[in-house]
N, C-alpha and C. Protein backbone atom coordinates (compact mmCIF):
# COMPACT_ATOMS: atom_id res chain seq x y z
N MET A 1 1.15 -1.27 0.07
CA MET A 1 0.44 -0.14 -0.15
C MET A 1 1.01 1.62 -0.33
N ARG A 2 2.05 1.18 1.08
CA ARG A 2 2.64 2.68 0.29
C ARG A 2 3.62 2.33 -0.50
N VAL A 3 3.60 1.52 -1.11
CA VAL A 3 4.51 1.33 -2.56
C VAL A 3 3.72 2.32 -3.78
N LEU A 4 1.86 1.93 -2.86
CA LEU A 4 1.54 3.07 -4.10
C LEU A 4 0.96 4.26 -4.28
N LYS A 5 0.50 4.57 -2.59
CA LYS A 5 1.06 5.85 -2.71
C LYS A 5 2.88 6.70 -2.66
N ALA A 6 3.88 6.09 -2.14
CA ALA A 6 5.04 6.74 -2.81
C ALA A 6 4.46 7.06 -4.78
N LEU A 7 4.25 5.88 -5.37
CA LEU A 7 4.22 6.07 -6.51
C LEU A 7 2.73 7.02 -7.07
N GLY A 8 2.32 7.56 -6.30
CA GLY A 8 0.81 8.24 -6.29
C GLY A 8 -0.37 7.43 -7.44
N LEU A 9 -0.55 6.28 -7.17
CA LEU A 9 -0.99 4.92 -8.05
C LEU A 9 -2.24 5.08 -6.24
N HIS A 10 -2.62 4.97 -5.67
CA HIS A 10 -3.23 4.62 -4.53
C HIS A 10 -4.28 6.19 -4.32
N LYS A 11 -5.60 6.32 -4.64
CA LYS A 11 -6.55 7.46 -4.57
C LYS A 11 -7.14 7.37 -3.00
N SER A 12 -7.18 8.17 -2.02
CA SER A 12 -7.98 8.35 -1.41
C SER A 12 -9.52 8.60 -1.32
N THR A 13 -10.37 8.00 -0.37
CA THR A 13 -11.42 7.79 -0.42
C THR A 13 -12.42 9.21 -0.92
N ALA A 14 -12.01 10.13 -0.32
CA ALA A 14 -12.60 11.15 -0.94
C ALA A 14 -12.28 11.34 -2.88
N GLN A 15 -11.12 11.13 -2.76
CA GLN A 15 -10.94 11.10 -4.25
C GLN A 15 -11.56 10.00 -5.51
N THR A 16 -11.93 9.05 -4.94
CA THR A 16 -12.56 7.64 -5.19
C THR A 16 -14.25 8.32 -5.60
N ALA A 17 -14.82 8.68 -4.64
CA ALA A 17 -15.46 9.43 -4.01
C ALA A 17 -16.64 10.41 -4.62
N LYS A 18 -15.43 11.61 -5.59
CA LYS A 18 -15.78 12.43 -6.30
C LYS A 18 -15.81 11.76 -7.49
N ASP A 19 -14.42 10.73 -7.78
CA ASP A 19 -14.97 10.56 -9.67
C ASP A 19 -16.28 9.60 -9.62
N ARG A 20 -15.94 8.99 -8.33
CA ARG A 20 -17.93 7.50 -8.43
C ARG A 20 -18.24 8.96 -8.87
N LEU A 21 -18.76 11.08 -8.33
CA LEU A 21 -19.81 11.85 -8.70
C LEU A 21 -19.95 11.68 -9.88
N HIS A 22 -18.80 12.53 -10.57
CA HIS A 22 -18.30 12.90 -11.76
C HIS A 22 -19.55 11.77 -12.66
N ILE A 23 -19.25 10.50 -12.21
CA ILE A 23 -19.56 8.91 -13.52
C ILE A 23 -21.20 9.97 -12.42
N ILE A 24 -21.48 9.66 -12.06
CA ILE A 24 -22.72 9.26 -12.23
C ILE A 24 -23.70 11.30 -13.00
N ILE A 25 -23.03 11.88 -12.59
CA ILE A 25 -23.22 13.02 -13.32
C ILE A 25 -23.26 13.24 -14.37
N ALA A 26 -22.06 12.58 -15.59
CA ALA A 26 -22.20 12.71 -16.71
C ALA A 26 -22.82 11.35 -17.25
N GLN A 27 -23.33 10.95 -16.62
CA GLN A 27 -24.36 9.58 -16.54
C GLN A 27 -26.07 10.53 -17.04
N GLN A 28 -25.64 11.04 -16.01
CA GLN A 28 -27.47 11.47 -15.90
C GLN A 28 -27.64 12.62 -17.13
N ARG A 29 -26.62 14.07 -17.43
CA ARG A 29 -26.64 14.19 -18.07
C ARG A 29 -26.48 13.36 -19.21
N SER A 30 -26.20 12.89 -19.64
CA SER A 30 -26.49 12.52 -21.19
C SER A 30 -27.64 11.50 -21.21
N GLU A 31 -28.96 11.52 -20.73
CA GLU A 31 -30.09 11.08 -20.19
C GLU A 31 -30.68 12.19 -20.70
N GLY A 32 -29.85 13.75 -19.90
CA GLY A 32 -30.66 14.42 -20.28
C GLY A 32 -32.10 14.83 -19.02
N ASN A 33 -32.24 13.95 -17.97
CA ASN A 33 -33.34 14.04 -17.36
C ASN A 33 -33.69 14.28 -15.90
N SER A 34 -31.86 14.92 -15.19
CA SER A 34 -31.23 15.25 -14.52
C SER A 34 -31.53 17.10 -14.95
N PRO A 35 -32.21 17.87 -13.29
CA PRO A 35 -31.67 19.12 -13.21
C PRO A 35 -30.45 19.69 -12.96
N ASP A 36 -30.48 20.51 -14.11
CA ASP A 36 -29.00 21.11 -13.77
C ASP A 36 -28.12 21.55 -12.48
N TYR A 37 -29.23 21.88 -11.67
CA TYR A 37 -28.58 22.25 -10.24
C TYR A 37 -28.53 20.98 -9.18
N LEU A 38 -28.75 19.57 -9.95
CA LEU A 38 -28.42 18.91 -9.19
C LEU A 38 -27.13 18.36 -9.40
N PRO A 39 -26.40 18.42 -9.53
CA PRO A 39 -24.84 18.52 -9.42
C PRO A 39 -24.65 19.28 -8.42
N GLN A 40 -24.59 20.01 -8.61
CA GLN A 40 -24.04 21.24 -7.25
C GLN A 40 -25.10 20.69 -6.14
N LEU A 41 -25.86 20.73 -5.81
CA LEU A 41 -26.72 19.67 -4.70
C LEU A 41 -26.32 19.21 -3.81
N ARG A 42 -25.51 18.07 -4.69
CA ARG A 42 -25.29 16.89 -4.58
C ARG A 42 -23.90 16.87 -3.39
N GLN A 43 -22.76 17.84 -4.30
CA GLN A 43 -22.05 18.31 -4.47
C GLN A 43 -21.99 18.76 -2.47
N GLU A 44 -23.03 20.29 -2.35
CA GLU A 44 -23.40 20.76 -0.94
C GLU A 44 -23.51 19.85 -0.27
N ILE A 45 -24.23 18.92 -0.16
CA ILE A 45 -25.06 18.13 0.45
C ILE A 45 -23.95 17.08 1.74
N MET A 46 -22.72 16.70 0.53
CA MET A 46 -22.08 15.67 1.17
C MET A 46 -20.78 17.06 1.76
N GLN A 47 -20.85 17.76 1.47
CA GLN A 47 -20.10 18.11 2.56
C GLN A 47 -20.62 19.39 3.35
N VAL A 48 -21.90 19.43 3.29
CA VAL A 48 -22.57 19.35 5.06
C VAL A 48 -22.36 18.37 5.81
N ILE A 49 -22.70 17.19 5.01
CA ILE A 49 -22.49 15.88 5.99
C ILE A 49 -21.06 15.34 5.93
N ALA A 50 -20.54 15.52 5.42
CA ALA A 50 -18.95 15.21 5.83
C ALA A 50 -18.44 16.45 7.02
N LYS A 51 -19.26 17.40 6.76
CA LYS A 51 -18.49 19.14 8.58
C LYS A 51 -19.14 18.38 9.45
N HIS A 52 -20.09 17.36 9.50
CA HIS A 52 -20.62 17.85 10.79
C HIS A 52 -20.53 16.25 11.41
N THR A 53 -20.33 14.80 10.23
CA THR A 53 -20.04 13.57 11.16
C THR A 53 -19.20 13.39 10.71
N GLN A 54 -18.68 11.71 10.65
CA GLN A 54 -16.98 10.61 10.36
C GLN A 54 -17.25 10.42 9.31
N VAL A 55 -17.93 10.55 8.52
CA VAL A 55 -18.28 9.70 7.49
C VAL A 55 -17.48 9.38 6.89
N ASP A 56 -17.94 8.48 5.40
CA ASP A 56 -17.05 8.02 4.41
C ASP A 56 -17.23 8.91 3.11
N LEU A 57 -17.27 9.55 2.38
CA LEU A 57 -17.93 9.83 1.26
C LEU A 57 -18.09 9.06 0.34
N ASP A 58 -17.53 7.50 0.43
CA ASP A 58 -18.02 6.53 -0.74
C ASP A 58 -19.67 5.55 -0.03
N ASN A 59 -20.09 6.41 1.41
CA ASN A 59 -21.21 5.36 2.14
C ASN A 59 -22.36 6.25 2.34
N ILE A 60 -22.51 7.99 1.72
CA ILE A 60 -23.31 8.87 1.02
C ILE A 60 -23.70 9.04 -0.47
N HIS A 61 -25.08 8.63 -0.47
CA HIS A 61 -25.66 8.36 -1.75
C HIS A 61 -27.07 9.29 -1.83
N VAL A 62 -26.57 9.99 -2.99
CA VAL A 62 -28.06 10.91 -3.53
C VAL A 62 -28.21 10.41 -4.52
N ASP A 63 -29.86 10.84 -4.93
CA ASP A 63 -30.25 9.85 -6.61
C ASP A 63 -31.60 10.51 -7.26
N LEU A 64 -31.95 11.17 -7.50
CA LEU A 64 -33.22 12.16 -7.63
C LEU A 64 -33.88 10.76 -8.28
N GLN A 65 -34.87 10.77 -8.17
CA GLN A 65 -36.10 9.99 -9.54
C GLN A 65 -37.05 10.97 -9.60
N THR A 66 -38.11 10.97 -10.83
CA THR A 66 -38.65 11.49 -11.25
C THR A 66 -39.82 10.28 -11.86
N LYS A 67 -41.44 10.74 -11.44
CA LYS A 67 -41.90 9.85 -11.82
C LYS A 67 -43.22 11.11 -11.84
N ASP A 68 -44.18 10.69 -13.24
CA ASP A 68 -45.20 11.39 -12.93
C ASP A 68 -45.41 12.80 -12.28
N ASN A 69 -44.23 13.68 -12.98
CA ASN A 69 -44.22 15.17 -13.16
C ASN A 69 -43.35 15.01 -11.04
N ASN A 70 -43.86 14.23 -10.66
CA ASN A 70 -43.15 13.85 -10.01
C ASN A 70 -41.94 13.96 -8.85
N ALA A 71 -40.76 14.54 -8.24
CA ALA A 71 -40.04 14.48 -7.82
C ALA A 71 -39.11 13.97 -6.48
N VAL A 72 -38.27 13.38 -6.20
CA VAL A 72 -37.88 12.43 -5.12
C VAL A 72 -36.80 12.52 -5.30
N LEU A 73 -36.02 13.69 -3.91
CA LEU A 73 -34.93 13.53 -3.55
C LEU A 73 -34.39 12.21 -2.87
N GLU A 74 -33.77 11.20 -2.99
CA GLU A 74 -33.20 10.19 -1.81
C GLU A 74 -32.07 10.71 -1.84
N LEU A 75 -31.23 10.19 0.15
CA LEU A 75 -30.52 10.47 0.16
C LEU A 75 -30.09 8.82 1.47
N ASN A 76 -28.97 8.93 1.07
CA ASN A 76 -28.73 7.07 1.82
C ASN A 76 -27.28 7.42 2.51
N VAL A 77 -27.47 7.74 3.86
CA VAL A 77 -25.77 7.65 4.27
C VAL A 77 -25.65 6.72 5.33
N MET A 78 -24.67 6.01 5.00
CA MET A 78 -24.59 4.65 6.18
C MET A 78 -23.77 5.43 7.60
N PHE A 79 -23.67 5.15 8.35
CA PHE A 79 -23.25 6.09 9.49
C PHE A 79 -22.32 5.27 9.98
N PRO A 80 -20.86 5.99 10.91
CA PRO A 80 -20.30 4.67 10.99
C PRO A 80 -20.86 4.04 12.87
N GLU A 81 -20.09 2.67 12.85
CA GLU A 81 -21.39 1.77 14.02
C GLU A 81 -20.37 3.34 15.10
N GLN A 82 -21.24 3.82 16.83
CA GLN A 82 -20.51 3.67 17.45
C GLN A 82 -20.19 3.53 19.10
N VAL A 83 -18.80 3.73 18.79
CA VAL A 83 -17.62 2.99 19.72
C VAL A 83 -17.59 3.57 21.36
N THR A 84 -19.44 2.88 22.09
CA THR A 84 -18.88 2.90 23.27
C THR A 84 -17.36 2.74 24.29
N PRO A 85 -16.84 3.32 25.08
CA PRO A 85 -15.33 3.21 26.17
C PRO A 85 -16.33 2.02 26.98
């Protein structure tokens, strides 16, 4: 693992989450069914969650579903288990 970091081949979990988010955004833009503000909204939601909790960004999923003129923004966050002393 240290060898990968030394060579610059190891990505942090934040970078991996960011890359995945870019892929999701690109897919939704190509489908043409997501609002223009959704990518910025996703990023801001992730920043707020990261500001207030110690959550891995890979465990935050934001999804917009549209059906019959109704839009539902679904947010799934997997929080780490609390460790009690």
